[in-house]
Amino acid sequence: MPDFSDEAEVVAAAKAELRAAVLTRRRSLPAAQRAEAAALVQAGLVDLVRRIRPRRVTGYVPIGSEPGGPDLPDVLLATLGPGARLLLPVLRADLDLDWADYSAPGDLVTTGRGLREPVGPRLGLSAIASADLVVVPAVAVDDRGVRLGRGGGSYDRALARVGTDVPTVVLLHDGELLDEVPALPHDQRVRAVITPADGVRLLPAG
């Protein structure tokens, strides 16, 4: 009988190694290249939003070298139609994600973890379930839609609350859409990625 705990340890180690390699590469990107990549993936996301016209979107605030650039929430907010809502994540002590409305540029506060989070009332863990477009961060994604995150499990829990018919999209740098990402059964898949070179690409999970 296979030892699933040993298998999980092997997968976790492979994830950690891949995560470290991708993050090291991200940090090595020149500032000008990061800015150009951010503009290109933002343009792809803006085009997607304009095509599907979502009424409630969940986004995030990129930090450091994450794709999308620090102004991503403001770009999303400016793209949404009248009456549409943009929700941003609030990291809880248990590493699950609460959500709050982002309705005015700059309405963010820096937390003790160095994250920038919305200042509005908390809407609860299930707020993501009412979104009709979910934009999430990732370190890498593979051709099957398997997503590699930062290792805390926050988005795996959040994505488990999203309906199977809801578009889930990840913004990546070029070279971060891989042939295969190590995965465990609880790992959630995403349905599309946006890269600077190729724009929006749908994945088998969609």
N, C-alpha and C. Protein backbone atom coordinates (compact mmCIF):
# COMPACT_ATOMS: atom_id res chain seq x y z
N MET A 1 0.85 -1.19 0.00
CA MET A 1 0.00 0.00 0.00
C MET A 1 0.89 1.24 0.00
N PRO A 2 0.64 2.24 -0.88
CA PRO A 2 1.51 3.40 -0.95
C PRO A 2 1.40 4.26 0.29
N ASP A 3 2.50 4.91 0.65
CA ASP A 3 2.53 5.82 1.78
C ASP A 3 2.25 7.23 1.26
N PHE A 4 0.99 7.67 1.44
CA PHE A 4 0.59 8.95 0.88
C PHE A 4 1.27 10.12 1.57
N SER A 5 1.66 9.95 2.83
CA SER A 5 2.37 11.03 3.51
C SER A 5 3.73 11.25 2.87
N ASP A 6 4.41 10.15 2.50
CA ASP A 6 5.69 10.29 1.80
C ASP A 6 5.50 10.94 0.44
N GLU A 7 4.45 10.56 -0.27
CA GLU A 7 4.18 11.17 -1.58
C GLU A 7 3.93 12.66 -1.45
N ALA A 8 3.17 13.05 -0.42
CA ALA A 8 2.88 14.46 -0.20
C ALA A 8 4.15 15.24 0.11
N GLU A 9 5.06 14.63 0.86
CA GLU A 9 6.33 15.29 1.18
C GLU A 9 7.17 15.50 -0.07
N VAL A 10 7.16 14.51 -0.95
CA VAL A 10 7.92 14.63 -2.20
C VAL A 10 7.35 15.76 -3.05
N VAL A 11 6.02 15.80 -3.16
CA VAL A 11 5.38 16.86 -3.95
C VAL A 11 5.64 18.22 -3.33
N ALA A 12 5.54 18.31 -2.01
CA ALA A 12 5.78 19.58 -1.32
C ALA A 12 7.21 20.07 -1.56
N ALA A 13 8.17 19.15 -1.53
CA ALA A 13 9.56 19.53 -1.77
C ALA A 13 9.76 20.01 -3.21
N ALA A 14 9.11 19.32 -4.16
CA ALA A 14 9.21 19.73 -5.56
C ALA A 14 8.58 21.11 -5.77
N LYS A 15 7.45 21.35 -5.11
CA LYS A 15 6.82 22.66 -5.19
C LYS A 15 7.74 23.74 -4.65
N ALA A 16 8.33 23.48 -3.49
CA ALA A 16 9.20 24.47 -2.85
C ALA A 16 10.39 24.81 -3.74
N GLU A 17 10.95 23.79 -4.38
CA GLU A 17 12.10 24.01 -5.26
C GLU A 17 11.70 24.85 -6.48
N LEU A 18 10.55 24.50 -7.08
CA LEU A 18 10.08 25.25 -8.24
C LEU A 18 9.73 26.69 -7.85
N ARG A 19 9.06 26.84 -6.71
CA ARG A 19 8.66 28.17 -6.24
C ARG A 19 9.90 29.06 -6.05
N ALA A 20 10.91 28.50 -5.41
CA ALA A 20 12.13 29.28 -5.17
C ALA A 20 12.79 29.70 -6.48
N ALA A 21 12.82 28.80 -7.45
CA ALA A 21 13.46 29.10 -8.73
C ALA A 21 12.71 30.21 -9.47
N VAL A 22 11.37 30.11 -9.50
CA VAL A 22 10.59 31.13 -10.21
C VAL A 22 10.69 32.48 -9.52
N LEU A 23 10.61 32.49 -8.19
CA LEU A 23 10.68 33.76 -7.47
C LEU A 23 12.05 34.41 -7.60
N THR A 24 13.10 33.60 -7.63
CA THR A 24 14.44 34.15 -7.85
C THR A 24 14.53 34.80 -9.22
N ARG A 25 13.96 34.12 -10.22
CA ARG A 25 13.96 34.69 -11.58
C ARG A 25 13.17 35.98 -11.62
N ARG A 26 12.02 36.01 -10.96
CA ARG A 26 11.21 37.23 -10.93
C ARG A 26 12.01 38.40 -10.35
N ARG A 27 12.65 38.14 -9.24
CA ARG A 27 13.39 39.22 -8.57
C ARG A 27 14.55 39.73 -9.42
N SER A 28 15.03 38.90 -10.34
CA SER A 28 16.16 39.31 -11.17
C SER A 28 15.73 40.14 -12.38
N LEU A 29 14.43 40.24 -12.64
CA LEU A 29 13.96 40.99 -13.80
C LEU A 29 14.24 42.48 -13.61
N PRO A 30 14.80 43.15 -14.59
CA PRO A 30 15.02 44.60 -14.49
C PRO A 30 13.69 45.34 -14.33
N ALA A 31 13.73 46.47 -13.65
CA ALA A 31 12.51 47.23 -13.37
C ALA A 31 11.78 47.59 -14.66
N ALA A 32 12.52 47.96 -15.70
CA ALA A 32 11.87 48.34 -16.96
C ALA A 32 11.13 47.16 -17.58
N GLN A 33 11.70 45.97 -17.46
CA GLN A 33 11.05 44.78 -18.01
C GLN A 33 9.79 44.44 -17.21
N ARG A 34 9.86 44.59 -15.89
CA ARG A 34 8.67 44.35 -15.06
C ARG A 34 7.55 45.31 -15.43
N ALA A 35 7.92 46.60 -15.63
CA ALA A 35 6.90 47.59 -15.96
C ALA A 35 6.26 47.30 -17.32
N GLU A 36 7.08 46.90 -18.29
CA GLU A 36 6.54 46.57 -19.61
C GLU A 36 5.63 45.36 -19.52
N ALA A 37 6.04 44.34 -18.76
CA ALA A 37 5.21 43.14 -18.59
C ALA A 37 3.90 43.49 -17.91
N ALA A 38 3.96 44.35 -16.89
CA ALA A 38 2.74 44.75 -16.18
C ALA A 38 1.76 45.42 -17.13
N ALA A 39 2.27 46.31 -17.97
CA ALA A 39 1.39 47.01 -18.90
C ALA A 39 0.72 46.05 -19.88
N LEU A 40 1.47 45.05 -20.32
CA LEU A 40 0.92 44.09 -21.29
C LEU A 40 -0.13 43.19 -20.67
N VAL A 41 0.12 42.67 -19.45
CA VAL A 41 -0.90 41.80 -18.84
C VAL A 41 -2.11 42.61 -18.40
N GLN A 42 -1.88 43.85 -17.99
CA GLN A 42 -3.02 44.71 -17.67
C GLN A 42 -3.90 44.91 -18.91
N ALA A 43 -3.27 45.14 -20.05
CA ALA A 43 -4.03 45.33 -21.29
C ALA A 43 -4.84 44.08 -21.63
N GLY A 44 -4.24 42.90 -21.43
CA GLY A 44 -4.98 41.66 -21.67
C GLY A 44 -6.16 41.51 -20.74
N LEU A 45 -5.96 41.88 -19.48
CA LEU A 45 -7.05 41.77 -18.51
C LEU A 45 -8.15 42.78 -18.80
N VAL A 46 -7.77 43.99 -19.16
CA VAL A 46 -8.76 45.01 -19.51
C VAL A 46 -9.61 44.53 -20.69
N ASP A 47 -8.98 43.95 -21.69
CA ASP A 47 -9.72 43.43 -22.84
C ASP A 47 -10.68 42.33 -22.42
N LEU A 48 -10.24 41.45 -21.54
CA LEU A 48 -11.11 40.37 -21.06
C LEU A 48 -12.31 40.93 -20.31
N VAL A 49 -12.07 41.89 -19.43
CA VAL A 49 -13.17 42.49 -18.66
C VAL A 49 -14.17 43.16 -19.59
N ARG A 50 -13.69 43.85 -20.57
CA ARG A 50 -14.60 44.54 -21.49
C ARG A 50 -15.41 43.56 -22.32
N ARG A 51 -14.85 42.38 -22.58
CA ARG A 51 -15.57 41.39 -23.37
C ARG A 51 -16.65 40.68 -22.56
N ILE A 52 -16.35 40.34 -21.29
CA ILE A 52 -17.32 39.55 -20.53
C ILE A 52 -18.20 40.40 -19.62
N ARG A 53 -17.82 41.67 -19.40
CA ARG A 53 -18.62 42.62 -18.62
C ARG A 53 -19.09 42.05 -17.27
N PRO A 54 -18.18 41.68 -16.42
CA PRO A 54 -18.57 41.12 -15.12
C PRO A 54 -19.18 42.19 -14.22
N ARG A 55 -20.06 41.74 -13.33
CA ARG A 55 -20.70 42.65 -12.36
C ARG A 55 -19.97 42.65 -11.02
N ARG A 56 -19.29 41.56 -10.71
CA ARG A 56 -18.50 41.50 -9.48
C ARG A 56 -17.21 40.76 -9.78
N VAL A 57 -16.08 41.41 -9.51
CA VAL A 57 -14.75 40.87 -9.80
C VAL A 57 -13.97 40.80 -8.50
N THR A 58 -13.23 39.71 -8.30
CA THR A 58 -12.24 39.70 -7.23
C THR A 58 -10.86 39.85 -7.86
N GLY A 59 -10.09 40.77 -7.31
CA GLY A 59 -8.74 41.00 -7.78
C GLY A 59 -7.76 40.83 -6.64
N TYR A 60 -6.58 41.42 -6.79
CA TYR A 60 -5.59 41.38 -5.72
C TYR A 60 -4.63 42.55 -5.93
N VAL A 61 -3.77 42.79 -4.95
CA VAL A 61 -2.80 43.87 -5.03
C VAL A 61 -1.42 43.25 -5.18
N PRO A 62 -0.82 43.29 -6.37
CA PRO A 62 0.51 42.71 -6.54
C PRO A 62 1.54 43.38 -5.64
N ILE A 63 2.46 42.57 -5.13
CA ILE A 63 3.56 43.09 -4.32
C ILE A 63 4.88 42.68 -4.96
N GLY A 64 5.90 43.49 -4.76
CA GLY A 64 7.23 43.16 -5.26
C GLY A 64 7.23 42.94 -6.76
N SER A 65 7.71 41.76 -7.16
CA SER A 65 7.84 41.44 -8.58
C SER A 65 6.65 40.69 -9.15
N GLU A 66 5.53 40.64 -8.40
CA GLU A 66 4.35 39.93 -8.92
C GLU A 66 3.84 40.59 -10.19
N PRO A 67 3.41 39.79 -11.17
CA PRO A 67 2.89 40.36 -12.42
C PRO A 67 1.67 41.23 -12.18
N GLY A 68 1.51 42.23 -13.02
CA GLY A 68 0.33 43.09 -12.94
C GLY A 68 0.63 44.48 -12.45
N GLY A 69 1.68 44.64 -11.67
CA GLY A 69 2.07 45.96 -11.19
C GLY A 69 1.23 46.46 -10.04
N PRO A 70 1.78 47.37 -9.22
CA PRO A 70 1.09 47.82 -8.01
C PRO A 70 -0.21 48.58 -8.28
N ASP A 71 -0.39 49.09 -9.50
CA ASP A 71 -1.62 49.83 -9.81
C ASP A 71 -2.70 48.95 -10.41
N LEU A 72 -2.54 47.64 -10.36
CA LEU A 72 -3.53 46.73 -10.95
C LEU A 72 -4.95 46.98 -10.42
N PRO A 73 -5.17 47.14 -9.10
CA PRO A 73 -6.54 47.38 -8.64
C PRO A 73 -7.16 48.63 -9.26
N ASP A 74 -6.35 49.69 -9.41
CA ASP A 74 -6.90 50.92 -9.98
C ASP A 74 -7.24 50.75 -11.45
N VAL A 75 -6.42 49.98 -12.18
CA VAL A 75 -6.72 49.70 -13.59
C VAL A 75 -8.02 48.90 -13.70
N LEU A 76 -8.17 47.89 -12.86
CA LEU A 76 -9.40 47.10 -12.87
C LEU A 76 -10.61 47.97 -12.53
N LEU A 77 -10.47 48.78 -11.49
CA LEU A 77 -11.58 49.63 -11.04
C LEU A 77 -12.03 50.57 -12.16
N ALA A 78 -11.06 51.15 -12.88
CA ALA A 78 -11.40 52.08 -13.96
C ALA A 78 -12.05 51.39 -15.15
N THR A 79 -11.83 50.07 -15.28
CA THR A 79 -12.35 49.32 -16.42
C THR A 79 -13.78 48.83 -16.20
N LEU A 80 -14.14 48.59 -14.94
CA LEU A 80 -15.46 48.05 -14.65
C LEU A 80 -16.55 49.04 -15.00
N GLY A 81 -17.69 48.52 -15.41
CA GLY A 81 -18.81 49.36 -15.77
C GLY A 81 -19.53 49.91 -14.54
N PRO A 82 -20.45 50.86 -14.75
CA PRO A 82 -21.22 51.43 -13.64
C PRO A 82 -21.95 50.34 -12.85
N GLY A 83 -21.86 50.42 -11.55
CA GLY A 83 -22.54 49.45 -10.69
C GLY A 83 -21.78 48.18 -10.43
N ALA A 84 -20.70 47.93 -11.17
CA ALA A 84 -19.90 46.74 -10.94
C ALA A 84 -19.04 46.94 -9.70
N ARG A 85 -18.68 45.83 -9.05
CA ARG A 85 -17.91 45.91 -7.81
C ARG A 85 -16.60 45.15 -7.94
N LEU A 86 -15.56 45.71 -7.33
CA LEU A 86 -14.26 45.06 -7.26
C LEU A 86 -13.97 44.72 -5.81
N LEU A 87 -13.75 43.43 -5.53
CA LEU A 87 -13.41 42.97 -4.19
C LEU A 87 -11.93 42.60 -4.15
N LEU A 88 -11.28 42.98 -3.07
CA LEU A 88 -9.88 42.64 -2.86
C LEU A 88 -9.74 41.80 -1.60
N PRO A 89 -8.71 40.95 -1.54
CA PRO A 89 -8.59 40.02 -0.42
C PRO A 89 -8.03 40.67 0.85
N VAL A 90 -8.45 40.10 1.97
CA VAL A 90 -7.93 40.45 3.29
C VAL A 90 -7.46 39.15 3.93
N LEU A 91 -6.17 39.05 4.19
CA LEU A 91 -5.62 37.81 4.74
C LEU A 91 -5.93 37.70 6.22
N ARG A 92 -6.60 36.61 6.60
CA ARG A 92 -6.94 36.37 8.00
C ARG A 92 -5.79 35.69 8.73
N ALA A 93 -5.90 35.64 10.05
CA ALA A 93 -4.85 35.03 10.87
C ALA A 93 -4.68 33.55 10.54
N ASP A 94 -5.77 32.88 10.10
CA ASP A 94 -5.68 31.46 9.76
C ASP A 94 -5.27 31.24 8.30
N LEU A 95 -4.88 32.32 7.61
CA LEU A 95 -4.42 32.32 6.22
C LEU A 95 -5.54 32.11 5.20
N ASP A 96 -6.78 32.07 5.65
CA ASP A 96 -7.90 32.09 4.71
C ASP A 96 -8.11 33.54 4.26
N LEU A 97 -8.98 33.73 3.25
CA LEU A 97 -9.17 35.05 2.68
C LEU A 97 -10.58 35.58 2.91
N ASP A 98 -10.65 36.72 3.57
CA ASP A 98 -11.87 37.52 3.63
C ASP A 98 -11.80 38.49 2.44
N TRP A 99 -12.84 39.29 2.26
CA TRP A 99 -12.92 40.19 1.11
C TRP A 99 -13.54 41.51 1.50
N ALA A 100 -13.16 42.58 0.81
CA ALA A 100 -13.76 43.89 1.04
C ALA A 100 -13.83 44.63 -0.29
N ASP A 101 -14.80 45.54 -0.40
CA ASP A 101 -14.94 46.35 -1.61
C ASP A 101 -13.77 47.31 -1.75
N TYR A 102 -13.35 47.50 -2.99
CA TYR A 102 -12.37 48.53 -3.33
C TYR A 102 -13.08 49.48 -4.27
N SER A 103 -13.40 50.66 -3.78
CA SER A 103 -14.27 51.55 -4.56
C SER A 103 -13.63 52.89 -4.89
N ALA A 104 -12.44 53.18 -4.35
CA ALA A 104 -11.77 54.45 -4.64
C ALA A 104 -10.26 54.22 -4.74
N PRO A 105 -9.62 54.79 -5.76
CA PRO A 105 -8.17 54.60 -5.90
C PRO A 105 -7.41 54.97 -4.62
N GLY A 106 -6.49 54.10 -4.24
CA GLY A 106 -5.66 54.37 -3.07
C GLY A 106 -6.27 53.99 -1.75
N ASP A 107 -7.49 53.42 -1.77
CA ASP A 107 -8.17 53.06 -0.52
C ASP A 107 -7.60 51.76 0.04
N LEU A 108 -6.31 51.77 0.36
CA LEU A 108 -5.62 50.59 0.84
C LEU A 108 -4.80 50.94 2.08
N VAL A 109 -4.57 49.94 2.91
CA VAL A 109 -3.72 50.11 4.09
C VAL A 109 -2.68 49.00 4.08
N THR A 110 -1.46 49.33 4.50
CA THR A 110 -0.39 48.33 4.57
C THR A 110 -0.47 47.60 5.89
N THR A 111 -0.49 46.27 5.83
CA THR A 111 -0.61 45.46 7.04
C THR A 111 0.76 45.08 7.57
N GLY A 112 0.75 44.40 8.72
CA GLY A 112 2.00 43.97 9.34
C GLY A 112 2.76 42.98 8.49
N ARG A 113 2.06 42.29 7.58
CA ARG A 113 2.72 41.32 6.70
C ARG A 113 3.30 41.98 5.45
N GLY A 114 3.15 43.29 5.33
CA GLY A 114 3.63 43.99 4.16
C GLY A 114 2.66 43.99 3.00
N LEU A 115 1.45 43.42 3.21
CA LEU A 115 0.43 43.41 2.17
C LEU A 115 -0.34 44.72 2.19
N ARG A 116 -0.90 45.09 1.04
CA ARG A 116 -1.81 46.23 0.99
C ARG A 116 -3.23 45.68 0.83
N GLU A 117 -4.10 46.09 1.74
CA GLU A 117 -5.45 45.53 1.79
C GLU A 117 -6.49 46.64 1.83
N PRO A 118 -7.70 46.37 1.35
CA PRO A 118 -8.76 47.38 1.35
C PRO A 118 -9.21 47.72 2.76
N VAL A 119 -9.70 48.93 2.91
CA VAL A 119 -10.05 49.42 4.25
C VAL A 119 -11.53 49.23 4.59
N GLY A 120 -12.35 48.83 3.63
CA GLY A 120 -13.79 48.75 3.85
C GLY A 120 -14.22 47.60 4.73
N PRO A 121 -15.53 47.52 5.03
CA PRO A 121 -16.07 46.43 5.86
C PRO A 121 -15.79 45.07 5.24
N ARG A 122 -15.54 44.09 6.09
CA ARG A 122 -15.28 42.73 5.63
C ARG A 122 -16.59 42.07 5.21
N LEU A 123 -16.53 41.35 4.09
CA LEU A 123 -17.73 40.75 3.51
C LEU A 123 -17.84 39.26 3.77
N GLY A 124 -16.81 38.65 4.36
CA GLY A 124 -16.86 37.23 4.68
C GLY A 124 -16.16 36.35 3.66
N LEU A 125 -15.87 35.13 4.09
CA LEU A 125 -15.14 34.18 3.25
C LEU A 125 -15.90 33.86 1.96
N SER A 126 -17.21 33.82 2.05
CA SER A 126 -18.01 33.37 0.91
C SER A 126 -18.24 34.46 -0.13
N ALA A 127 -17.73 35.67 0.08
CA ALA A 127 -17.97 36.75 -0.88
C ALA A 127 -17.43 36.40 -2.26
N ILE A 128 -16.35 35.63 -2.31
CA ILE A 128 -15.77 35.25 -3.61
C ILE A 128 -16.73 34.38 -4.42
N ALA A 129 -17.66 33.70 -3.74
CA ALA A 129 -18.59 32.81 -4.43
C ALA A 129 -19.57 33.57 -5.31
N SER A 130 -19.73 34.87 -5.06
CA SER A 130 -20.67 35.66 -5.86
C SER A 130 -19.98 36.37 -7.03
N ALA A 131 -18.68 36.18 -7.17
CA ALA A 131 -17.96 36.85 -8.26
C ALA A 131 -18.24 36.16 -9.60
N ASP A 132 -18.24 36.95 -10.67
CA ASP A 132 -18.35 36.35 -12.00
C ASP A 132 -17.07 36.51 -12.81
N LEU A 133 -16.01 37.01 -12.18
CA LEU A 133 -14.65 36.93 -12.71
C LEU A 133 -13.72 36.95 -11.50
N VAL A 134 -12.80 35.98 -11.44
CA VAL A 134 -11.88 35.86 -10.31
C VAL A 134 -10.46 35.97 -10.85
N VAL A 135 -9.75 37.00 -10.42
CA VAL A 135 -8.36 37.22 -10.81
C VAL A 135 -7.48 36.89 -9.62
N VAL A 136 -6.56 35.95 -9.79
CA VAL A 136 -5.77 35.47 -8.65
C VAL A 136 -4.27 35.50 -8.99
N PRO A 137 -3.43 35.65 -7.98
CA PRO A 137 -1.99 35.58 -8.21
C PRO A 137 -1.51 34.14 -8.23
N ALA A 138 -0.33 33.92 -8.77
CA ALA A 138 0.30 32.60 -8.76
C ALA A 138 1.78 32.78 -9.04
N VAL A 139 2.55 31.79 -8.62
CA VAL A 139 3.96 31.76 -8.96
C VAL A 139 4.15 31.14 -10.35
N ALA A 140 3.34 30.13 -10.65
CA ALA A 140 3.39 29.48 -11.96
C ALA A 140 2.07 28.72 -12.16
N VAL A 141 1.79 28.39 -13.40
CA VAL A 141 0.61 27.60 -13.77
C VAL A 141 1.08 26.64 -14.86
N ASP A 142 0.47 25.44 -14.91
CA ASP A 142 0.83 24.54 -16.00
C ASP A 142 -0.29 24.43 -17.02
N ASP A 143 -0.02 23.68 -18.08
CA ASP A 143 -0.96 23.59 -19.20
C ASP A 143 -2.28 22.93 -18.82
N ARG A 144 -2.33 22.25 -17.66
CA ARG A 144 -3.58 21.64 -17.18
C ARG A 144 -4.39 22.60 -16.32
N GLY A 145 -3.83 23.78 -16.03
CA GLY A 145 -4.50 24.73 -15.14
C GLY A 145 -4.08 24.60 -13.70
N VAL A 146 -3.14 23.69 -13.40
CA VAL A 146 -2.67 23.54 -12.02
C VAL A 146 -1.87 24.79 -11.64
N ARG A 147 -2.19 25.35 -10.49
CA ARG A 147 -1.62 26.61 -10.03
C ARG A 147 -0.65 26.37 -8.88
N LEU A 148 0.52 27.00 -8.95
CA LEU A 148 1.48 26.99 -7.86
C LEU A 148 1.42 28.35 -7.16
N GLY A 149 1.05 28.33 -5.87
CA GLY A 149 0.98 29.57 -5.12
C GLY A 149 2.19 29.77 -4.23
N ARG A 150 2.02 30.62 -3.22
CA ARG A 150 3.13 30.95 -2.32
C ARG A 150 3.35 29.90 -1.24
N GLY A 151 2.39 28.97 -1.10
CA GLY A 151 2.58 27.88 -0.15
C GLY A 151 1.72 27.95 1.10
N GLY A 152 0.93 29.02 1.25
CA GLY A 152 0.08 29.14 2.43
C GLY A 152 -1.28 28.49 2.29
N GLY A 153 -1.69 28.17 1.07
CA GLY A 153 -2.99 27.53 0.85
C GLY A 153 -4.17 28.49 0.83
N SER A 154 -3.93 29.80 0.92
CA SER A 154 -5.03 30.76 0.99
C SER A 154 -5.93 30.69 -0.23
N TYR A 155 -5.33 30.70 -1.41
CA TYR A 155 -6.14 30.72 -2.63
C TYR A 155 -6.72 29.36 -2.97
N ASP A 156 -6.09 28.28 -2.54
CA ASP A 156 -6.72 26.98 -2.73
C ASP A 156 -8.05 26.92 -1.99
N ARG A 157 -8.07 27.45 -0.77
CA ARG A 157 -9.33 27.47 -0.01
C ARG A 157 -10.34 28.42 -0.65
N ALA A 158 -9.86 29.58 -1.07
CA ALA A 158 -10.78 30.54 -1.68
C ALA A 158 -11.34 30.04 -3.00
N LEU A 159 -10.49 29.46 -3.85
CA LEU A 159 -10.95 28.98 -5.15
C LEU A 159 -11.92 27.81 -5.03
N ALA A 160 -11.84 27.07 -3.94
CA ALA A 160 -12.78 25.96 -3.73
C ALA A 160 -14.21 26.48 -3.56
N ARG A 161 -14.38 27.76 -3.30
CA ARG A 161 -15.71 28.37 -3.12
C ARG A 161 -16.26 28.96 -4.42
N VAL A 162 -15.49 28.87 -5.49
CA VAL A 162 -15.88 29.49 -6.77
C VAL A 162 -16.57 28.45 -7.65
N GLY A 163 -17.65 28.85 -8.28
CA GLY A 163 -18.39 27.94 -9.15
C GLY A 163 -17.58 27.49 -10.35
N THR A 164 -17.90 26.31 -10.85
CA THR A 164 -17.13 25.75 -11.96
C THR A 164 -17.34 26.51 -13.27
N ASP A 165 -18.36 27.35 -13.33
CA ASP A 165 -18.61 28.11 -14.56
C ASP A 165 -18.04 29.52 -14.51
N VAL A 166 -17.33 29.87 -13.42
CA VAL A 166 -16.80 31.21 -13.26
C VAL A 166 -15.38 31.28 -13.80
N PRO A 167 -15.06 32.25 -14.65
CA PRO A 167 -13.69 32.37 -15.15
C PRO A 167 -12.71 32.70 -14.02
N THR A 168 -11.65 31.93 -13.91
CA THR A 168 -10.57 32.21 -12.97
C THR A 168 -9.30 32.41 -13.78
N VAL A 169 -8.66 33.56 -13.61
CA VAL A 169 -7.54 33.92 -14.47
C VAL A 169 -6.34 34.35 -13.63
N VAL A 170 -5.16 33.93 -14.05
CA VAL A 170 -3.91 34.25 -13.37
C VAL A 170 -3.05 35.10 -14.30
N LEU A 171 -2.41 36.11 -13.72
CA LEU A 171 -1.45 36.93 -14.46
C LEU A 171 -0.05 36.39 -14.21
N LEU A 172 0.71 36.19 -15.30
CA LEU A 172 2.05 35.61 -15.19
C LEU A 172 3.06 36.42 -15.98
N HIS A 173 4.33 36.29 -15.59
CA HIS A 173 5.42 36.72 -16.46
C HIS A 173 5.61 35.66 -17.55
N ASP A 174 6.23 36.05 -18.64
CA ASP A 174 6.60 35.07 -19.66
C ASP A 174 7.51 34.01 -19.04
N GLY A 175 7.32 32.76 -19.46
CA GLY A 175 8.12 31.66 -18.94
C GLY A 175 7.55 31.01 -17.70
N GLU A 176 6.41 31.50 -17.20
CA GLU A 176 5.82 30.94 -15.97
C GLU A 176 4.61 30.05 -16.25
N LEU A 177 4.23 29.90 -17.51
CA LEU A 177 3.26 28.88 -17.92
C LEU A 177 4.07 27.66 -18.32
N LEU A 178 3.99 26.62 -17.50
CA LEU A 178 4.89 25.48 -17.61
C LEU A 178 4.18 24.24 -18.14
N ASP A 179 4.96 23.26 -18.53
CA ASP A 179 4.37 21.98 -18.97
C ASP A 179 3.72 21.25 -17.81
N GLU A 180 4.33 21.34 -16.63
CA GLU A 180 3.78 20.62 -15.47
C GLU A 180 4.20 21.30 -14.18
N VAL A 181 3.24 21.42 -13.28
CA VAL A 181 3.48 21.90 -11.91
C VAL A 181 3.15 20.76 -10.96
N PRO A 182 4.00 20.46 -9.98
CA PRO A 182 3.68 19.40 -9.01
C PRO A 182 2.36 19.72 -8.30
N ALA A 183 1.52 18.70 -8.10
CA ALA A 183 0.19 18.96 -7.56
C ALA A 183 -0.23 17.88 -6.58
N LEU A 184 -1.05 18.29 -5.61
CA LEU A 184 -1.73 17.40 -4.67
C LEU A 184 -3.23 17.50 -4.92
N PRO A 185 -4.02 16.54 -4.43
CA PRO A 185 -5.45 16.54 -4.74
C PRO A 185 -6.18 17.82 -4.36
N HIS A 186 -5.73 18.53 -3.31
CA HIS A 186 -6.47 19.72 -2.89
C HIS A 186 -6.14 20.96 -3.73
N ASP A 187 -5.13 20.87 -4.58
CA ASP A 187 -4.72 22.02 -5.38
C ASP A 187 -5.81 22.39 -6.39
N GLN A 188 -6.21 23.65 -6.38
CA GLN A 188 -7.26 24.12 -7.27
C GLN A 188 -6.67 24.53 -8.62
N ARG A 189 -7.44 24.29 -9.66
CA ARG A 189 -7.01 24.66 -11.01
C ARG A 189 -7.65 25.98 -11.42
N VAL A 190 -7.00 26.67 -12.35
CA VAL A 190 -7.53 27.90 -12.90
C VAL A 190 -7.86 27.68 -14.37
N ARG A 191 -8.63 28.59 -14.92
CA ARG A 191 -9.19 28.37 -16.26
C ARG A 191 -8.53 29.19 -17.35
N ALA A 192 -7.68 30.15 -16.96
CA ALA A 192 -7.01 30.96 -17.98
C ALA A 192 -5.79 31.63 -17.36
N VAL A 193 -4.85 32.00 -18.21
CA VAL A 193 -3.71 32.81 -17.79
C VAL A 193 -3.57 33.96 -18.78
N ILE A 194 -2.89 35.02 -18.31
CA ILE A 194 -2.53 36.13 -19.19
C ILE A 194 -1.03 36.34 -19.05
N THR A 195 -0.32 36.27 -20.17
CA THR A 195 1.12 36.51 -20.18
C THR A 195 1.42 37.70 -21.09
N PRO A 196 2.56 38.36 -20.87
CA PRO A 196 2.88 39.52 -21.72
C PRO A 196 2.97 39.18 -23.20
N ALA A 197 3.57 38.04 -23.53
CA ALA A 197 3.79 37.72 -24.93
C ALA A 197 2.52 37.22 -25.65
N ASP A 198 1.70 36.45 -24.93
CA ASP A 198 0.59 35.75 -25.59
C ASP A 198 -0.79 36.25 -25.20
N GLY A 199 -0.90 37.14 -24.24
CA GLY A 199 -2.21 37.62 -23.82
C GLY A 199 -3.00 36.52 -23.13
N VAL A 200 -4.31 36.51 -23.35
CA VAL A 200 -5.20 35.56 -22.67
C VAL A 200 -5.07 34.18 -23.32
N ARG A 201 -4.89 33.17 -22.48
CA ARG A 201 -4.85 31.79 -22.97
C ARG A 201 -5.75 30.94 -22.09
N LEU A 202 -6.72 30.27 -22.70
CA LEU A 202 -7.62 29.39 -21.96
C LEU A 202 -6.93 28.05 -21.72
N LEU A 203 -7.25 27.43 -20.58
CA LEU A 203 -6.63 26.18 -20.18
C LEU A 203 -7.68 25.07 -20.07
N PRO A 204 -7.26 23.82 -20.06
CA PRO A 204 -8.23 22.72 -20.03
C PRO A 204 -9.18 22.76 -18.86
N ALA A 205 -8.77 23.35 -17.73
CA ALA A 205 -9.67 23.43 -16.57
C ALA A 205 -10.91 24.25 -16.91
N GLY A 206 -10.82 25.08 -17.96
CA GLY A 206 -11.97 25.87 -18.34
C GLY A 206 -12.85 25.18 -19.33
